[in-house]
Amino acid sequence: MPAHTETGDPAPLGLVAFGLTTVLLSLVNAGLLTGDGVVVVVPLAFAFGGTMQILAGIMEYREGNTFGTVAFSSYGAFWWWFGLLELLGVAGVFSLEGLTPVVGVALLLWGVFTTYMWVSTFRLNWGLWSVFLLLAVTFYLLGFGDFLGVDWLVVAGGYVGILTGLAAMYVSFAEVTNWAFDRSVVPLGGTPFPGDDRRRETTAD
């Protein structure tokens, strides 16, 4: 049998792919960048936010990490959905006119998904707990904004989305830095609800 080779942690890759793409789109949603900037976001959504997270999810599966597999694969697929929606709509393959409330419902469903993923972070660390809480709030604000046609909710979702993306990038930074120094240099916080846990931690504390 071949000798065991230690593998790298794919979580920092998935987190920065999610976080960086989220910050850019959220700057547009918040009105801090022009709405035409979506054409810059779409390729990034495919290349980084979507593809890299799906790859991270596959690597988490090989590590036996259920949470990481579900989270990264799902949010990677979200970015592909967003990119295809924008790309095909602009290309005239289908019309998005009058479908904003339907997009709002889709975002609300992503909020529900994020909420139940957030529950699992109570056994991980405060860094991830914060990321998923902020992301759930972002989805709910954007979803209700689109569904109800209330622009200020979308703008608010943009601002919370900026915080969400920065929080994800911080956790990625912490995990890479702590790995490089082989000790806890950048804090992630302990487990919100500690207890006997015979499972492998999703990410390094």
C-alpha atoms as a PDB file:
ATOM      1  CA  MET A   1       0.000   0.000   0.000  1.00  0.00           C
ATOM      2  CA  PRO A   2       1.276   3.530  -0.693  1.00  0.00           C
ATOM      3  CA  ALA A   3       2.471   5.636   2.206  1.00  0.00           C
ATOM      4  CA  HIS A   4      -0.098   8.028   3.677  1.00  0.00           C
ATOM      5  CA  THR A   5       0.223  11.574   2.356  1.00  0.00           C
ATOM      6  CA  GLU A   6      -1.244  14.437   4.353  1.00  0.00           C
ATOM      7  CA  THR A   7      -3.738  16.446   2.319  1.00  0.00           C
ATOM      8  CA  GLY A   8      -4.384  20.173   2.448  1.00  0.00           C
ATOM      9  CA  ASP A   9      -7.541  21.730   3.866  1.00  0.00           C
ATOM     10  CA  PRO A  10      -9.808  22.863   0.982  1.00  0.00           C
ATOM     11  CA  ALA A  11     -11.945  25.087   3.228  1.00  0.00           C
ATOM     12  CA  PRO A  12      -9.814  28.269   2.873  1.00  0.00           C
ATOM     13  CA  LEU A  13     -10.055  27.997  -0.921  1.00  0.00           C
ATOM     14  CA  GLY A  14     -13.823  27.613  -0.833  1.00  0.00           C
ATOM     15  CA  LEU A  15     -14.206  30.438   1.662  1.00  0.00           C
ATOM     16  CA  VAL A  16     -12.140  32.984  -0.277  1.00  0.00           C
ATOM     17  CA  ALA A  17     -13.835  32.008  -3.557  1.00  0.00           C
ATOM     18  CA  PHE A  18     -17.198  32.633  -1.913  1.00  0.00           C
ATOM     19  CA  GLY A  19     -16.128  35.716   0.018  1.00  0.00           C
ATOM     20  CA  LEU A  20     -14.342  37.635  -2.720  1.00  0.00           C
ATOM     21  CA  THR A  21     -17.138  37.087  -5.259  1.00  0.00           C
ATOM     22  CA  THR A  22     -19.756  38.031  -2.663  1.00  0.00           C
ATOM     23  CA  VAL A  23     -18.013  41.294  -1.820  1.00  0.00           C
ATOM     24  CA  LEU A  24     -17.882  42.361  -5.472  1.00  0.00           C
ATOM     25  CA  LEU A  25     -21.547  41.596  -6.173  1.00  0.00           C
ATOM     26  CA  SER A  26     -22.600  43.173  -2.873  1.00  0.00           C
ATOM     27  CA  LEU A  27     -20.818  46.409  -3.746  1.00  0.00           C
ATOM     28  CA  VAL A  28     -23.057  46.533  -6.823  1.00  0.00           C
ATOM     29  CA  ASN A  29     -26.197  45.654  -4.820  1.00  0.00           C
ATOM     30  CA  ALA A  30     -25.380  48.346  -2.262  1.00  0.00           C
ATOM     31  CA  GLY A  31     -25.078  50.940  -5.010  1.00  0.00           C
ATOM     32  CA  LEU A  32     -21.420  51.592  -4.259  1.00  0.00           C
ATOM     33  CA  LEU A  33     -20.476  50.378  -7.756  1.00  0.00           C
ATOM     34  CA  THR A  34     -22.436  50.873 -10.959  1.00  0.00           C
ATOM     35  CA  GLY A  35     -25.103  48.337 -11.777  1.00  0.00           C
ATOM     36  CA  ASP A  36     -23.332  47.712 -15.079  1.00  0.00           C
ATOM     37  CA  GLY A  37     -20.574  46.143 -12.981  1.00  0.00           C
ATOM     38  CA  VAL A  38     -22.558  42.901 -13.011  1.00  0.00           C
ATOM     39  CA  VAL A  39     -20.819  42.098 -16.312  1.00  0.00           C
ATOM     40  CA  VAL A  40     -17.584  41.914 -14.314  1.00  0.00           C
ATOM     41  CA  VAL A  41     -19.152  39.819 -11.563  1.00  0.00           C
ATOM     42  CA  VAL A  42     -20.541  37.130 -13.895  1.00  0.00           C
ATOM     43  CA  PRO A  43     -17.188  35.764 -15.178  1.00  0.00           C
ATOM     44  CA  LEU A  44     -15.845  35.841 -11.620  1.00  0.00           C
ATOM     45  CA  ALA A  45     -18.937  33.947 -10.461  1.00  0.00           C
ATOM     46  CA  PHE A  46     -18.217  31.187 -12.967  1.00  0.00           C
ATOM     47  CA  ALA A  47     -14.434  31.023 -12.642  1.00  0.00           C
ATOM     48  CA  PHE A  48     -13.910  31.602  -8.926  1.00  0.00           C
ATOM     49  CA  GLY A  49     -17.070  31.791  -6.856  1.00  0.00           C
ATOM     50  CA  GLY A  50     -18.688  28.824  -8.584  1.00  0.00           C
ATOM     51  CA  THR A  51     -16.018  26.504  -9.929  1.00  0.00           C
ATOM     52  CA  MET A  52     -13.534  26.808  -7.062  1.00  0.00           C
ATOM     53  CA  GLN A  53     -16.236  26.198  -4.444  1.00  0.00           C
ATOM     54  CA  ILE A  54     -17.484  23.104  -6.257  1.00  0.00           C
ATOM     55  CA  LEU A  55     -13.912  21.803  -6.403  1.00  0.00           C
ATOM     56  CA  ALA A  56     -13.544  22.550  -2.680  1.00  0.00           C
ATOM     57  CA  GLY A  57     -16.766  20.629  -2.050  1.00  0.00           C
ATOM     58  CA  ILE A  58     -15.424  17.624  -3.951  1.00  0.00           C
ATOM     59  CA  MET A  59     -12.205  17.748  -1.931  1.00  0.00           C
ATOM     60  CA  GLU A  60     -14.204  18.008   1.304  1.00  0.00           C
ATOM     61  CA  TYR A  61     -16.124  14.893   0.249  1.00  0.00           C
ATOM     62  CA  ARG A  62     -12.848  13.008  -0.125  1.00  0.00           C
ATOM     63  CA  GLU A  63     -11.971  14.162   3.392  1.00  0.00           C
ATOM     64  CA  GLY A  64     -15.260  12.779   4.743  1.00  0.00           C
ATOM     65  CA  ASN A  65     -16.514  16.255   5.648  1.00  0.00           C
ATOM     66  CA  THR A  66     -20.296  16.366   5.198  1.00  0.00           C
ATOM     67  CA  PHE A  67     -20.709  20.022   6.173  1.00  0.00           C
ATOM     68  CA  GLY A  68     -17.967  21.249   3.851  1.00  0.00           C
ATOM     69  CA  THR A  69     -19.255  19.080   1.001  1.00  0.00           C
ATOM     70  CA  VAL A  70     -22.801  20.408   1.253  1.00  0.00           C
ATOM     71  CA  ALA A  71     -21.819  24.037   1.865  1.00  0.00           C
ATOM     72  CA  PHE A  72     -19.173  24.523  -0.816  1.00  0.00           C
ATOM     73  CA  SER A  73     -20.931  22.440  -3.489  1.00  0.00           C
ATOM     74  CA  SER A  74     -24.229  24.244  -2.890  1.00  0.00           C
ATOM     75  CA  TYR A  75     -22.897  27.797  -2.848  1.00  0.00           C
ATOM     76  CA  GLY A  76     -20.687  26.996  -5.830  1.00  0.00           C
ATOM     77  CA  ALA A  77     -23.826  25.912  -7.672  1.00  0.00           C
ATOM     78  CA  PHE A  78     -25.507  29.149  -6.509  1.00  0.00           C
ATOM     79  CA  TRP A  79     -22.882  31.203  -8.309  1.00  0.00           C
ATOM     80  CA  TRP A  80     -23.357  29.140 -11.461  1.00  0.00           C
ATOM     81  CA  TRP A  81     -27.107  29.735 -11.191  1.00  0.00           C
ATOM     82  CA  PHE A  82     -26.564  33.474 -10.775  1.00  0.00           C
ATOM     83  CA  GLY A  83     -24.094  33.627 -13.659  1.00  0.00           C
ATOM     84  CA  LEU A  84     -26.335  31.656 -16.020  1.00  0.00           C
ATOM     85  CA  LEU A  85     -29.366  33.743 -15.042  1.00  0.00           C
ATOM     86  CA  GLU A  86     -27.555  36.975 -15.897  1.00  0.00           C
ATOM     87  CA  LEU A  87     -25.769  35.637 -18.968  1.00  0.00           C
ATOM     88  CA  LEU A  88     -28.761  33.988 -20.622  1.00  0.00           C
ATOM     89  CA  GLY A  89     -31.037  36.869 -19.723  1.00  0.00           C
ATOM     90  CA  VAL A  90     -28.734  39.456 -21.293  1.00  0.00           C
ATOM     91  CA  ALA A  91     -28.185  37.208 -24.333  1.00  0.00           C
ATOM     92  CA  GLY A  92     -31.930  37.179 -24.901  1.00  0.00           C
ATOM     93  CA  VAL A  93     -32.298  33.428 -24.492  1.00  0.00           C
ATOM     94  CA  PHE A  94     -35.188  34.253 -22.163  1.00  0.00           C
ATOM     95  CA  SER A  95     -36.684  37.399 -20.710  1.00  0.00           C
ATOM     96  CA  LEU A  96     -36.357  38.266 -17.032  1.00  0.00           C
ATOM     97  CA  GLU A  97     -39.018  40.964 -17.282  1.00  0.00           C
ATOM     98  CA  GLY A  98     -41.590  40.574 -14.533  1.00  0.00           C
ATOM     99  CA  LEU A  99     -39.677  37.721 -12.901  1.00  0.00           C
ATOM    100  CA  THR A 100     -38.074  39.719 -10.087  1.00  0.00           C
ATOM    101  CA  PRO A 101     -40.547  38.340  -7.486  1.00  0.00           C
ATOM    102  CA  VAL A 102     -39.646  34.789  -8.572  1.00  0.00           C
ATOM    103  CA  VAL A 103     -35.960  35.596  -8.155  1.00  0.00           C
ATOM    104  CA  GLY A 104     -36.887  36.936  -4.719  1.00  0.00           C
ATOM    105  CA  VAL A 105     -38.503  33.636  -3.763  1.00  0.00           C
ATOM    106  CA  ALA A 106     -35.397  31.775  -4.963  1.00  0.00           C
ATOM    107  CA  LEU A 107     -33.223  33.978  -2.751  1.00  0.00           C
ATOM    108  CA  LEU A 108     -35.545  33.422   0.203  1.00  0.00           C
ATOM    109  CA  LEU A 109     -35.189  29.665  -0.293  1.00  0.00           C
ATOM    110  CA  TRP A 110     -31.417  30.111  -0.229  1.00  0.00           C
ATOM    111  CA  GLY A 111     -31.950  31.975   3.028  1.00  0.00           C
ATOM    112  CA  VAL A 112     -33.804  28.989   4.462  1.00  0.00           C
ATOM    113  CA  PHE A 113     -31.017  26.654   3.336  1.00  0.00           C
ATOM    114  CA  THR A 114     -28.388  28.940   4.855  1.00  0.00           C
ATOM    115  CA  THR A 115     -30.302  29.089   8.134  1.00  0.00           C
ATOM    116  CA  TYR A 116     -30.259  25.332   8.569  1.00  0.00           C
ATOM    117  CA  MET A 117     -26.582  25.227   7.611  1.00  0.00           C
ATOM    118  CA  TRP A 118     -25.990  27.933  10.220  1.00  0.00           C
ATOM    119  CA  VAL A 119     -27.357  25.615  12.926  1.00  0.00           C
ATOM    120  CA  SER A 120     -24.439  23.231  12.317  1.00  0.00           C
ATOM    121  CA  THR A 121     -21.893  26.033  12.819  1.00  0.00           C
ATOM    122  CA  PHE A 122     -22.834  26.138  16.500  1.00  0.00           C
ATOM    123  CA  ARG A 123     -20.519  23.124  16.825  1.00  0.00           C
ATOM    124  CA  LEU A 124     -17.707  24.612  14.716  1.00  0.00           C
ATOM    125  CA  ASN A 125     -16.260  28.057  15.515  1.00  0.00           C
ATOM    126  CA  TRP A 126     -17.409  31.631  15.958  1.00  0.00           C
ATOM    127  CA  GLY A 127     -15.859  32.681  12.649  1.00  0.00           C
ATOM    128  CA  LEU A 128     -18.014  30.319  10.582  1.00  0.00           C
ATOM    129  CA  TRP A 129     -20.997  30.985  12.839  1.00  0.00           C
ATOM    130  CA  SER A 130     -20.751  34.684  11.929  1.00  0.00           C
ATOM    131  CA  VAL A 131     -20.341  34.018   8.200  1.00  0.00           C
ATOM    132  CA  PHE A 132     -23.469  31.878   7.950  1.00  0.00           C
ATOM    133  CA  LEU A 133     -25.555  34.196  10.129  1.00  0.00           C
ATOM    134  CA  LEU A 134     -24.621  37.207   8.002  1.00  0.00           C
ATOM    135  CA  LEU A 135     -25.232  35.242   4.813  1.00  0.00           C
ATOM    136  CA  ALA A 136     -28.711  34.187   5.937  1.00  0.00           C
ATOM    137  CA  VAL A 137     -29.583  37.824   6.703  1.00  0.00           C
ATOM    138  CA  THR A 138     -28.211  38.844   3.294  1.00  0.00           C
ATOM    139  CA  PHE A 139     -30.384  36.343   1.454  1.00  0.00           C
ATOM    140  CA  TYR A 140     -33.500  37.342   3.396  1.00  0.00           C
ATOM    141  CA  LEU A 141     -32.957  41.056   2.739  1.00  0.00           C
ATOM    142  CA  LEU A 142     -32.294  40.525  -0.974  1.00  0.00           C
ATOM    143  CA  GLY A 143     -35.130  38.018  -1.268  1.00  0.00           C
ATOM    144  CA  PHE A 144     -37.768  40.170   0.387  1.00  0.00           C
ATOM    145  CA  GLY A 145     -36.442  43.209  -1.484  1.00  0.00           C
ATOM    146  CA  ASP A 146     -36.971  41.518  -4.850  1.00  0.00           C
ATOM    147  CA  PHE A 147     -40.215  39.785  -3.889  1.00  0.00           C
ATOM    148  CA  LEU A 148     -41.825  42.925  -2.486  1.00  0.00           C
ATOM    149  CA  GLY A 149     -40.159  45.361  -4.880  1.00  0.00           C
ATOM    150  CA  VAL A 150     -38.563  47.336  -2.025  1.00  0.00           C
ATOM    151  CA  ASP A 151     -35.278  48.788  -3.258  1.00  0.00           C
ATOM    152  CA  TRP A 152     -33.889  49.776   0.132  1.00  0.00           C
ATOM    153  CA  LEU A 153     -34.030  46.160   1.289  1.00  0.00           C
ATOM    154  CA  VAL A 154     -31.855  45.183  -1.677  1.00  0.00           C
ATOM    155  CA  VAL A 155     -29.413  47.966  -0.797  1.00  0.00           C
ATOM    156  CA  ALA A 156     -29.374  46.813   2.826  1.00  0.00           C
ATOM    157  CA  GLY A 157     -28.744  43.274   1.605  1.00  0.00           C
ATOM    158  CA  GLY A 158     -25.816  44.617  -0.366  1.00  0.00           C
ATOM    159  CA  TYR A 159     -24.236  46.175   2.719  1.00  0.00           C
ATOM    160  CA  VAL A 160     -24.742  43.050   4.824  1.00  0.00           C
ATOM    161  CA  GLY A 161     -23.393  41.026   1.897  1.00  0.00           C
ATOM    162  CA  ILE A 162     -20.186  43.058   1.996  1.00  0.00           C
ATOM    163  CA  LEU A 163     -19.774  42.134   5.661  1.00  0.00           C
ATOM    164  CA  THR A 164     -20.562  38.498   4.828  1.00  0.00           C
ATOM    165  CA  GLY A 165     -17.904  38.306   2.134  1.00  0.00           C
ATOM    166  CA  LEU A 166     -15.297  40.032   4.276  1.00  0.00           C
ATOM    167  CA  ALA A 167     -16.068  37.666   7.169  1.00  0.00           C
ATOM    168  CA  ALA A 168     -15.587  34.644   4.870  1.00  0.00           C
ATOM    169  CA  MET A 169     -12.303  36.071   3.603  1.00  0.00           C
ATOM    170  CA  TYR A 170     -11.193  36.625   7.198  1.00  0.00           C
ATOM    171  CA  VAL A 171     -11.861  32.974   8.092  1.00  0.00           C
ATOM    172  CA  SER A 172      -9.933  31.898   4.980  1.00  0.00           C
ATOM    173  CA  PHE A 173      -7.054  34.198   5.932  1.00  0.00           C
ATOM    174  CA  ALA A 174      -7.054  32.852   9.477  1.00  0.00           C
ATOM    175  CA  GLU A 175      -6.995  29.221   8.384  1.00  0.00           C
ATOM    176  CA  VAL A 176      -4.170  29.715   5.864  1.00  0.00           C
ATOM    177  CA  THR A 177      -2.118  31.813   8.272  1.00  0.00           C
ATOM    178  CA  ASN A 178      -2.592  29.418  11.183  1.00  0.00           C
ATOM    179  CA  TRP A 179      -1.554  26.536   8.934  1.00  0.00           C
ATOM    180  CA  ALA A 180       1.560  28.395   7.738  1.00  0.00           C
ATOM    181  CA  PHE A 181       2.660  29.246  11.278  1.00  0.00           C
ATOM    182  CA  ASP A 182       1.529  25.869  12.626  1.00  0.00           C
ATOM    183  CA  ARG A 183      -0.207  27.575  15.523  1.00  0.00           C
ATOM    184  CA  SER A 184      -3.143  29.851  16.213  1.00  0.00           C
ATOM    185  CA  VAL A 185      -2.003  33.292  15.056  1.00  0.00           C
ATOM    186  CA  VAL A 186      -5.299  34.700  13.749  1.00  0.00           C
ATOM    187  CA  PRO A 187      -8.219  33.891  16.096  1.00  0.00           C
ATOM    188  CA  LEU A 188     -11.386  32.188  14.892  1.00  0.00           C
ATOM    189  CA  GLY A 189     -12.996  31.794  18.298  1.00  0.00           C
ATOM    190  CA  GLY A 190     -13.904  28.585  20.017  1.00  0.00           C
ATOM    191  CA  THR A 191     -16.964  26.431  19.546  1.00  0.00           C
ATOM    192  CA  PRO A 192     -20.182  28.342  20.361  1.00  0.00           C
ATOM    193  CA  PHE A 193     -21.730  25.211  21.887  1.00  0.00           C
ATOM    194  CA  PRO A 194     -18.886  22.889  22.912  1.00  0.00           C
ATOM    195  CA  GLY A 195     -19.440  19.283  23.893  1.00  0.00           C
ATOM    196  CA  ASP A 196     -18.305  15.754  23.176  1.00  0.00           C
ATOM    197  CA  ASP A 197     -17.731  15.606  19.447  1.00  0.00           C
ATOM    198  CA  ARG A 198     -16.430  12.400  17.974  1.00  0.00           C
ATOM    199  CA  ARG A 199     -16.596  13.794  14.462  1.00  0.00           C
ATOM    200  CA  ARG A 200     -13.793  15.500  12.601  1.00  0.00           C
ATOM    201  CA  GLU A 201     -13.915  19.302  12.848  1.00  0.00           C
ATOM    202  CA  THR A 202     -14.980  20.962   9.624  1.00  0.00           C
ATOM    203  CA  THR A 203     -12.256  23.572   9.799  1.00  0.00           C
ATOM    204  CA  ALA A 204      -9.254  24.159  12.007  1.00  0.00           C
ATOM    205  CA  ASP A 205      -9.952  26.358  15.003  1.00  0.00           C
END
